[in-house]
Amino acid sequence: MKCGATRLLGAVVLLVLLAVAGGCSGPSAKIGKVSSPTERELRADWRNYHAFCLSRGYANSRQGSAILFQTKGDLAIQKGGEWQEVKSDSAASGCAAFLTHPSPVMELRGKNDDLFGYVIYDFMDGLSVTAIDEKTLRLFYHERPKGGGP
């Protein structure tokens, strides 16, 4: 039993190292830090994007743990989980506004270096992206456990 757990732990460590070595991006897709636009500018101009809030919060909070600003047009970002469309100024300003470890603004680029959007998230969580095709990215958000144990 102990040997199986050691092998499983080794496999998990190997997968994490491969993800980090790959720059948290998949084939022909990139995630990168940008200084412009700023978080303040994105939140103010949320109507110029398809904006989504990851509705999972911390403990009893429903403030969200990430916000995505997808460019408008024919480029698409597939996302799983509990992402909900931002439909108000208060949702745009409040979503992921109280993160303990906020990331810088991160841009998402596809196969032809096309800009798909921006994301702000809890930097302690994991974020990766892969290109499905030239017009579609798949965003993966991996939340770390948040809270105490038993």
Protein backbone atom coordinates (compact mmCIF):
# COMPACT_ATOMS: atom_id res chain seq x y z
CA MET A 1 0.00 0.00 0.00
CA LYS A 2 2.79 2.38 0.91
CA CYS A 3 4.60 1.65 -2.36
CA GLY A 4 1.46 2.45 -4.37
CA ALA A 5 1.04 5.76 -2.58
CA THR A 6 4.70 6.62 -3.26
CA ARG A 7 4.27 5.85 -6.97
CA LEU A 8 1.11 7.96 -7.10
CA LEU A 9 2.88 10.85 -5.40
CA GLY A 10 5.80 10.50 -7.83
CA ALA A 11 3.41 10.58 -10.80
CA VAL A 12 1.67 13.69 -9.48
CA VAL A 13 5.01 15.46 -8.92
CA LEU A 14 6.10 14.54 -12.46
CA LEU A 15 2.87 15.92 -13.93
CA VAL A 16 3.25 19.17 -11.99
CA LEU A 17 6.84 19.56 -13.16
CA LEU A 18 5.81 18.97 -16.76
CA ALA A 19 3.05 21.57 -16.47
CA VAL A 20 5.44 24.13 -14.98
CA ALA A 21 8.13 23.37 -17.58
CA GLY A 22 5.51 23.85 -20.30
CA GLY A 23 4.85 27.39 -19.10
CA CYS A 24 1.27 26.57 -18.09
CA SER A 25 0.19 26.50 -21.68
CA GLY A 26 -0.68 23.84 -24.18
CA PRO A 27 0.08 23.41 -27.85
CA SER A 28 0.29 26.82 -29.50
CA ALA A 29 -1.45 28.65 -26.65
CA LYS A 30 0.17 31.10 -24.24
CA ILE A 31 -0.52 32.75 -20.92
CA GLY A 32 1.58 35.81 -20.17
CA LYS A 33 1.74 38.74 -17.77
CA VAL A 34 0.94 42.16 -19.24
CA SER A 35 1.17 45.66 -17.81
CA SER A 36 -1.57 47.04 -20.05
CA PRO A 37 -4.50 46.98 -19.83
CA THR A 38 -4.56 47.23 -16.06
CA GLU A 39 -7.04 45.45 -13.82
CA ARG A 40 -8.77 48.77 -13.17
CA GLU A 41 -9.12 49.43 -16.92
CA LEU A 42 -10.50 45.95 -17.62
CA ARG A 43 -13.07 46.21 -14.83
CA ALA A 44 -14.14 49.68 -16.02
CA ASP A 45 -14.42 48.52 -19.66
CA TRP A 46 -16.01 45.12 -18.96
CA ARG A 47 -18.81 45.80 -21.46
CA ASN A 48 -16.21 45.76 -24.25
CA TYR A 49 -15.59 42.07 -23.47
CA HIS A 50 -17.50 38.90 -22.77
CA ALA A 51 -16.78 38.95 -19.03
CA PHE A 52 -17.14 35.90 -16.78
CA CYS A 53 -16.75 35.38 -13.04
CA LEU A 54 -15.71 32.03 -11.58
CA SER A 55 -18.42 31.83 -8.95
CA ARG A 56 -16.64 29.59 -6.50
CA GLY A 57 -15.76 31.74 -3.54
CA TYR A 58 -13.70 31.40 -0.41
CA ALA A 59 -15.42 29.72 2.52
CA ASN A 60 -18.83 31.43 2.76
CA SER A 61 -17.88 34.20 0.32
CA ARG A 62 -19.40 34.23 -3.15
CA GLN A 63 -17.07 36.96 -4.44
CA GLY A 64 -15.45 34.59 -6.91
CA SER A 65 -11.92 33.34 -7.37
CA ALA A 66 -11.22 34.56 -10.94
CA ILE A 67 -12.49 36.95 -13.58
CA LEU A 68 -12.13 36.44 -17.33
CA PHE A 69 -12.37 39.14 -20.01
CA GLN A 70 -12.84 37.41 -23.37
CA THR A 71 -12.43 39.51 -26.51
CA LYS A 72 -15.55 39.95 -28.60
CA GLY A 73 -15.58 38.48 -32.09
CA ASP A 74 -15.21 35.00 -33.50
CA LEU A 75 -12.56 33.75 -31.03
CA ALA A 76 -13.89 31.52 -28.26
CA ILE A 77 -12.64 30.36 -24.86
CA GLN A 78 -14.11 27.10 -23.60
CA LYS A 79 -14.26 26.94 -19.85
CA GLY A 80 -15.62 24.38 -17.45
CA GLY A 81 -16.87 24.77 -13.95
CA GLU A 82 -18.96 27.51 -12.51
CA TRP A 83 -18.11 30.49 -14.72
CA GLN A 84 -21.03 32.92 -14.89
CA GLU A 85 -21.45 35.84 -17.26
CA VAL A 86 -20.89 39.28 -15.72
CA LYS A 87 -24.03 41.36 -16.29
CA SER A 88 -23.62 44.41 -14.05
CA ASP A 89 -21.11 47.02 -12.93
CA SER A 90 -21.22 45.65 -9.39
CA ALA A 91 -20.46 42.12 -10.59
CA ALA A 92 -17.56 43.43 -12.71
CA SER A 93 -16.07 45.37 -9.81
CA GLY A 94 -16.78 42.77 -7.13
CA CYS A 95 -15.82 39.50 -8.82
CA ALA A 96 -12.47 38.23 -7.54
CA ALA A 97 -11.88 41.62 -5.90
CA PHE A 98 -10.81 40.20 -2.54
CA LEU A 99 -8.21 37.64 -3.55
CA THR A 100 -5.51 36.85 -1.02
CA HIS A 101 -2.87 36.36 -3.76
CA PRO A 102 -4.14 38.16 -6.88
CA SER A 103 -2.30 37.49 -10.12
CA PRO A 104 -1.21 40.29 -12.41
CA VAL A 105 -3.35 40.72 -15.50
CA MET A 106 -2.58 37.68 -17.66
CA GLU A 107 -3.30 37.61 -21.39
CA LEU A 108 -4.43 34.52 -23.27
CA ARG A 109 -3.08 34.06 -26.81
CA GLY A 110 -3.82 31.37 -29.38
CA LYS A 111 -2.09 29.57 -32.24
CA ASN A 112 -1.52 32.62 -34.44
CA ASP A 113 -0.68 34.84 -31.47
CA ASP A 114 -4.28 36.10 -31.59
CA LEU A 115 -5.45 37.76 -28.37
CA PHE A 116 -8.33 35.81 -26.83
CA GLY A 117 -8.64 37.77 -23.61
CA TYR A 118 -7.36 38.46 -20.11
CA VAL A 119 -7.74 36.74 -16.76
CA ILE A 120 -7.12 37.73 -13.14
CA TYR A 121 -7.10 34.92 -10.62
CA ASP A 122 -5.75 33.73 -7.29
CA PHE A 123 -2.07 33.13 -8.04
CA MET A 124 -2.01 30.20 -5.59
CA ASP A 125 -4.43 28.36 -7.88
CA GLY A 126 -3.39 26.81 -11.18
CA LEU A 127 -4.29 28.09 -14.63
CA SER A 128 -3.51 26.47 -17.96
CA VAL A 129 -4.69 26.86 -21.53
CA THR A 130 -4.53 24.80 -24.67
CA ALA A 131 -5.47 25.55 -28.26
CA ILE A 132 -8.35 23.47 -29.62
CA ASP A 133 -8.06 25.09 -33.04
CA GLU A 134 -7.13 28.51 -34.42
CA LYS A 135 -10.31 30.13 -33.09
CA THR A 136 -10.83 28.21 -29.85
CA LEU A 137 -8.89 27.93 -26.57
CA ARG A 138 -9.70 25.69 -23.62
CA LEU A 139 -9.09 27.26 -20.20
CA PHE A 140 -8.43 25.01 -17.21
CA TYR A 141 -8.69 26.44 -13.70
CA HIS A 142 -7.34 24.32 -10.85
CA GLU A 143 -8.31 25.60 -7.42
CA ARG A 144 -6.11 24.71 -4.51
CA PRO A 145 -7.99 23.53 -1.42
CA LYS A 146 -9.14 26.55 0.57
CA GLY A 147 -9.90 25.90 4.14
CA GLY A 148 -8.95 23.87 7.13
CA GLY A 149 -8.86 20.15 7.41
CA PRO A 150 -10.90 17.88 9.62
